[in-house]
Amino acid sequence: MDEHQGQLPQGFDANHETGDRGNAYPYGQCTWWAYERRAQLGLNTGSHFGNAGSWAVSAGSMGYWVDNTPRNTGDALVFSPGQEGASGVYGHVAVVEKVNPDGSIEISESNVQGVGVISHRTFTSAQARNFQYIHF
């Protein structure tokens, strides 16, 4: 987090409540994978952020750093309902695996190709700027 010191939102508290009580999301759903992958990377994730499309609002209300800039491996990428093929009702959430020098991003996600199937996509820098990201 030190490398982002000058970029942190004013008033950001690195010791905010995380809401992390273990993975309470249904197996194989995008929310389940986002929680699992962030845990593998040592990142906290709230256990009850709700449907994928509401994760950014839920995380922000708990004090997580949320914005529209992909920064790190492990950032949760939140798709609004209907965005880039996401459910029109529930939205979608994925995990940033790599931020490339040109601003494009590589992500991992579950339940795009079937429940519990982990898949990968790449978004251009222009596309990447249209998502919300949960950092820490």
C-alpha atoms as a PDB file:
ATOM      1  CA  MET A   1       0.000   0.000   0.000  1.00  0.00           C
ATOM      2  CA  ASP A   2       2.968   2.301   0.523  1.00  0.00           C
ATOM      3  CA  GLU A   3       3.485   2.639  -3.237  1.00  0.00           C
ATOM      4  CA  HIS A   4       0.000   4.221  -3.476  1.00  0.00           C
ATOM      5  CA  GLN A   5       0.442   6.686  -0.622  1.00  0.00           C
ATOM      6  CA  GLY A   6       0.041   9.786  -2.803  1.00  0.00           C
ATOM      7  CA  GLN A   7      -2.997   8.334  -4.592  1.00  0.00           C
ATOM      8  CA  LEU A   8      -5.080   7.195  -1.623  1.00  0.00           C
ATOM      9  CA  PRO A   9      -8.442   8.915  -1.211  1.00  0.00           C
ATOM     10  CA  GLN A  10      -8.504  11.644   1.406  1.00  0.00           C
ATOM     11  CA  GLY A  11      -9.454  10.172   4.765  1.00  0.00           C
ATOM     12  CA  PHE A  12      -8.744   6.578   3.681  1.00  0.00           C
ATOM     13  CA  ASP A  13      -8.221   4.356   6.732  1.00  0.00           C
ATOM     14  CA  ALA A  14      -6.130   1.286   5.935  1.00  0.00           C
ATOM     15  CA  ASN A  15      -7.504  -0.308   9.108  1.00  0.00           C
ATOM     16  CA  HIS A  16     -11.163  -0.068   8.037  1.00  0.00           C
ATOM     17  CA  GLU A  17     -13.592  -2.872   8.891  1.00  0.00           C
ATOM     18  CA  THR A  18     -13.256  -5.482   6.141  1.00  0.00           C
ATOM     19  CA  GLY A  19     -16.423  -7.483   6.749  1.00  0.00           C
ATOM     20  CA  ASP A  20     -14.378 -10.601   5.978  1.00  0.00           C
ATOM     21  CA  ARG A  21     -15.938 -13.545   7.820  1.00  0.00           C
ATOM     22  CA  GLY A  22     -15.120 -16.277   5.311  1.00  0.00           C
ATOM     23  CA  ASN A  23     -16.521 -17.087   1.887  1.00  0.00           C
ATOM     24  CA  ALA A  24     -20.315 -16.933   2.191  1.00  0.00           C
ATOM     25  CA  TYR A  25     -20.930 -16.785  -1.576  1.00  0.00           C
ATOM     26  CA  PRO A  26     -22.517 -19.678  -3.520  1.00  0.00           C
ATOM     27  CA  TYR A  27     -19.948 -22.100  -4.934  1.00  0.00           C
ATOM     28  CA  GLY A  28     -18.996 -21.472  -8.539  1.00  0.00           C
ATOM     29  CA  GLN A  29     -20.592 -18.047  -8.866  1.00  0.00           C
ATOM     30  CA  CYS A  30     -18.515 -15.014  -9.840  1.00  0.00           C
ATOM     31  CA  THR A  31     -18.756 -13.681  -6.283  1.00  0.00           C
ATOM     32  CA  TRP A  32     -17.404 -16.959  -4.883  1.00  0.00           C
ATOM     33  CA  TRP A  33     -14.394 -16.826  -7.227  1.00  0.00           C
ATOM     34  CA  ALA A  34     -13.649 -13.156  -6.549  1.00  0.00           C
ATOM     35  CA  TYR A  35     -13.601 -13.878  -2.811  1.00  0.00           C
ATOM     36  CA  GLU A  36     -11.463 -17.033  -3.252  1.00  0.00           C
ATOM     37  CA  ARG A  37      -8.928 -15.443  -5.583  1.00  0.00           C
ATOM     38  CA  ARG A  38      -8.476 -12.347  -3.446  1.00  0.00           C
ATOM     39  CA  ALA A  39      -8.001 -14.600  -0.400  1.00  0.00           C
ATOM     40  CA  GLN A  40      -5.302 -16.535  -2.308  1.00  0.00           C
ATOM     41  CA  LEU A  41      -3.566 -13.195  -2.864  1.00  0.00           C
ATOM     42  CA  GLY A  42      -3.836 -12.215   0.810  1.00  0.00           C
ATOM     43  CA  LEU A  43      -6.551  -9.592   0.275  1.00  0.00           C
ATOM     44  CA  ASN A  44      -9.627  -9.161   2.430  1.00  0.00           C
ATOM     45  CA  THR A  45     -13.077  -9.176   0.869  1.00  0.00           C
ATOM     46  CA  GLY A  46     -16.392  -8.608   2.574  1.00  0.00           C
ATOM     47  CA  SER A  47     -18.384 -11.796   3.051  1.00  0.00           C
ATOM     48  CA  HIS A  48     -21.751 -10.157   2.400  1.00  0.00           C
ATOM     49  CA  PHE A  49     -21.303  -7.574  -0.378  1.00  0.00           C
ATOM     50  CA  GLY A  50     -24.469  -8.864  -2.090  1.00  0.00           C
ATOM     51  CA  ASN A  51     -24.922  -9.419  -5.809  1.00  0.00           C
ATOM     52  CA  ALA A  52     -21.859  -8.722  -7.930  1.00  0.00           C
ATOM     53  CA  GLY A  53     -23.167  -5.457  -9.344  1.00  0.00           C
ATOM     54  CA  SER A  54     -23.517  -3.999  -5.845  1.00  0.00           C
ATOM     55  CA  TRP A  55     -20.004  -4.871  -4.654  1.00  0.00           C
ATOM     56  CA  ALA A  56     -18.461  -1.444  -5.314  1.00  0.00           C
ATOM     57  CA  VAL A  57     -21.149   0.373  -3.328  1.00  0.00           C
ATOM     58  CA  SER A  58     -21.016  -2.184  -0.497  1.00  0.00           C
ATOM     59  CA  ALA A  59     -17.209  -2.085  -0.335  1.00  0.00           C
ATOM     60  CA  GLY A  60     -17.080   1.703  -0.479  1.00  0.00           C
ATOM     61  CA  SER A  61     -19.552   1.982   2.385  1.00  0.00           C
ATOM     62  CA  MET A  62     -17.220  -0.169   4.508  1.00  0.00           C
ATOM     63  CA  GLY A  63     -14.184   1.973   3.750  1.00  0.00           C
ATOM     64  CA  TYR A  64     -12.554   0.025   0.924  1.00  0.00           C
ATOM     65  CA  TRP A  65     -10.748   2.118  -1.702  1.00  0.00           C
ATOM     66  CA  VAL A  66     -13.018   2.044  -4.777  1.00  0.00           C
ATOM     67  CA  ASP A  67     -12.439   3.922  -8.037  1.00  0.00           C
ATOM     68  CA  ASN A  68     -12.328   3.493 -11.832  1.00  0.00           C
ATOM     69  CA  THR A  69      -8.597   2.799 -12.174  1.00  0.00           C
ATOM     70  CA  PRO A  70      -7.116  -0.712 -12.299  1.00  0.00           C
ATOM     71  CA  ARG A  71      -3.975  -0.643 -10.178  1.00  0.00           C
ATOM     72  CA  ASN A  72      -2.945  -4.070  -8.915  1.00  0.00           C
ATOM     73  CA  THR A  73      -3.238  -7.793  -9.295  1.00  0.00           C
ATOM     74  CA  GLY A  74      -6.088  -8.722  -6.983  1.00  0.00           C
ATOM     75  CA  ASP A  75      -8.281  -5.686  -7.544  1.00  0.00           C
ATOM     76  CA  ALA A  76     -11.926  -6.759  -7.759  1.00  0.00           C
ATOM     77  CA  LEU A  77     -13.410  -5.540 -11.039  1.00  0.00           C
ATOM     78  CA  VAL A  78     -17.143  -4.791 -10.775  1.00  0.00           C
ATOM     79  CA  PHE A  79     -19.373  -4.986 -13.853  1.00  0.00           C
ATOM     80  CA  SER A  80     -22.615  -3.033 -13.690  1.00  0.00           C
ATOM     81  CA  PRO A  81     -25.709  -5.019 -14.697  1.00  0.00           C
ATOM     82  CA  GLY A  82     -25.552  -5.567 -18.469  1.00  0.00           C
ATOM     83  CA  GLN A  83     -21.992  -4.244 -18.850  1.00  0.00           C
ATOM     84  CA  GLU A  84     -19.737  -6.277 -21.201  1.00  0.00           C
ATOM     85  CA  GLY A  85     -22.130  -9.234 -21.151  1.00  0.00           C
ATOM     86  CA  ALA A  86     -22.790  -9.232 -17.392  1.00  0.00           C
ATOM     87  CA  SER A  87     -26.191 -10.300 -16.103  1.00  0.00           C
ATOM     88  CA  GLY A  88     -28.715  -7.527 -16.552  1.00  0.00           C
ATOM     89  CA  VAL A  89     -29.981  -8.222 -13.043  1.00  0.00           C
ATOM     90  CA  TYR A  90     -26.987  -9.254 -10.933  1.00  0.00           C
ATOM     91  CA  GLY A  91     -23.977  -7.677 -12.640  1.00  0.00           C
ATOM     92  CA  HIS A  92     -20.668  -9.518 -12.473  1.00  0.00           C
ATOM     93  CA  VAL A  93     -17.382  -9.405 -10.574  1.00  0.00           C
ATOM     94  CA  ALA A  94     -13.928 -10.622 -11.595  1.00  0.00           C
ATOM     95  CA  VAL A  95     -10.346 -10.266 -10.388  1.00  0.00           C
ATOM     96  CA  VAL A  96      -7.563  -8.334 -12.088  1.00  0.00           C
ATOM     97  CA  GLU A  97      -4.662 -10.684 -12.751  1.00  0.00           C
ATOM     98  CA  LYS A  98      -2.430  -8.200 -14.550  1.00  0.00           C
ATOM     99  CA  VAL A  99      -2.378  -4.520 -15.438  1.00  0.00           C
ATOM    100  CA  ASN A 100      -0.361  -4.190 -18.645  1.00  0.00           C
ATOM    101  CA  PRO A 101       1.897  -1.211 -19.446  1.00  0.00           C
ATOM    102  CA  ASP A 102      -0.573  -0.025 -22.120  1.00  0.00           C
ATOM    103  CA  GLY A 103      -3.389   0.081 -19.532  1.00  0.00           C
ATOM    104  CA  SER A 104      -5.133  -3.059 -20.746  1.00  0.00           C
ATOM    105  CA  ILE A 105      -6.016  -5.618 -18.084  1.00  0.00           C
ATOM    106  CA  GLU A 106      -6.165  -9.383 -17.834  1.00  0.00           C
ATOM    107  CA  ILE A 107      -8.829 -10.836 -15.545  1.00  0.00           C
ATOM    108  CA  SER A 108      -9.953 -14.148 -14.099  1.00  0.00           C
ATOM    109  CA  GLU A 109     -13.606 -14.887 -13.464  1.00  0.00           C
ATOM    110  CA  SER A 110     -16.077 -17.663 -12.750  1.00  0.00           C
ATOM    111  CA  ASN A 111     -19.487 -18.564 -14.148  1.00  0.00           C
ATOM    112  CA  VAL A 112     -19.069 -16.988 -17.586  1.00  0.00           C
ATOM    113  CA  GLN A 113     -18.461 -20.366 -19.249  1.00  0.00           C
ATOM    114  CA  GLY A 114     -20.353 -22.396 -16.629  1.00  0.00           C
ATOM    115  CA  VAL A 115     -20.759 -22.602 -12.858  1.00  0.00           C
ATOM    116  CA  GLY A 116     -17.354 -23.077 -11.250  1.00  0.00           C
ATOM    117  CA  VAL A 117     -15.473 -22.747 -14.545  1.00  0.00           C
ATOM    118  CA  ILE A 118     -12.626 -20.250 -14.152  1.00  0.00           C
ATOM    119  CA  SER A 119     -11.958 -18.344 -17.359  1.00  0.00           C
ATOM    120  CA  HIS A 120      -9.884 -15.370 -18.463  1.00  0.00           C
ATOM    121  CA  ARG A 121     -10.426 -12.276 -20.591  1.00  0.00           C
ATOM    122  CA  THR A 122      -8.468  -9.205 -21.593  1.00  0.00           C
ATOM    123  CA  PHE A 123      -9.930  -5.702 -21.786  1.00  0.00           C
ATOM    124  CA  THR A 124      -8.354  -2.740 -23.581  1.00  0.00           C
ATOM    125  CA  SER A 125      -7.369   0.326 -21.582  1.00  0.00           C
ATOM    126  CA  ALA A 126     -10.449   2.146 -22.917  1.00  0.00           C
ATOM    127  CA  GLN A 127     -12.709  -0.681 -21.740  1.00  0.00           C
ATOM    128  CA  ALA A 128     -10.864  -0.978 -18.425  1.00  0.00           C
ATOM    129  CA  ARG A 129     -11.651   2.637 -17.515  1.00  0.00           C
ATOM    130  CA  ASN A 130     -15.389   1.862 -17.602  1.00  0.00           C
ATOM    131  CA  PHE A 131     -15.365  -0.517 -14.636  1.00  0.00           C
ATOM    132  CA  GLN A 132     -15.231   0.059 -10.901  1.00  0.00           C
ATOM    133  CA  TYR A 133     -12.366  -1.475  -8.911  1.00  0.00           C
ATOM    134  CA  ILE A 134     -12.180  -2.472  -5.264  1.00  0.00           C
ATOM    135  CA  HIS A 135      -8.590  -2.199  -4.100  1.00  0.00           C
ATOM    136  CA  PHE A 136      -8.129  -2.620  -0.321  1.00  0.00           C
END
